[in-house]
């Protein structure tokens, strides 16, 4: 499952995916944060603090994978 919760529960796996993308030649990493929006997160029973935790972890992983040398963007979901 591609859940933003993986940033917290399996950061090693998300980091590995990011590193593989970079090895394949990616210039931009997209954080694994789709699902951290209020609507989707509600399906997981996640409140705002949990969504914030997911997003911060996702950005930290992308930053770590890139060594701060690549551009990364947060992937969002529907907004109201």
Foldseek 3Di string as FASTA:
>chain_A
DLELCCLVVPVVVQLVVLLVCVVVPDQEAEFSLEQLDPVSVVVVVDDPVVSVVSQVSRVVSNCVSCVVPGHYYYDYDDDD
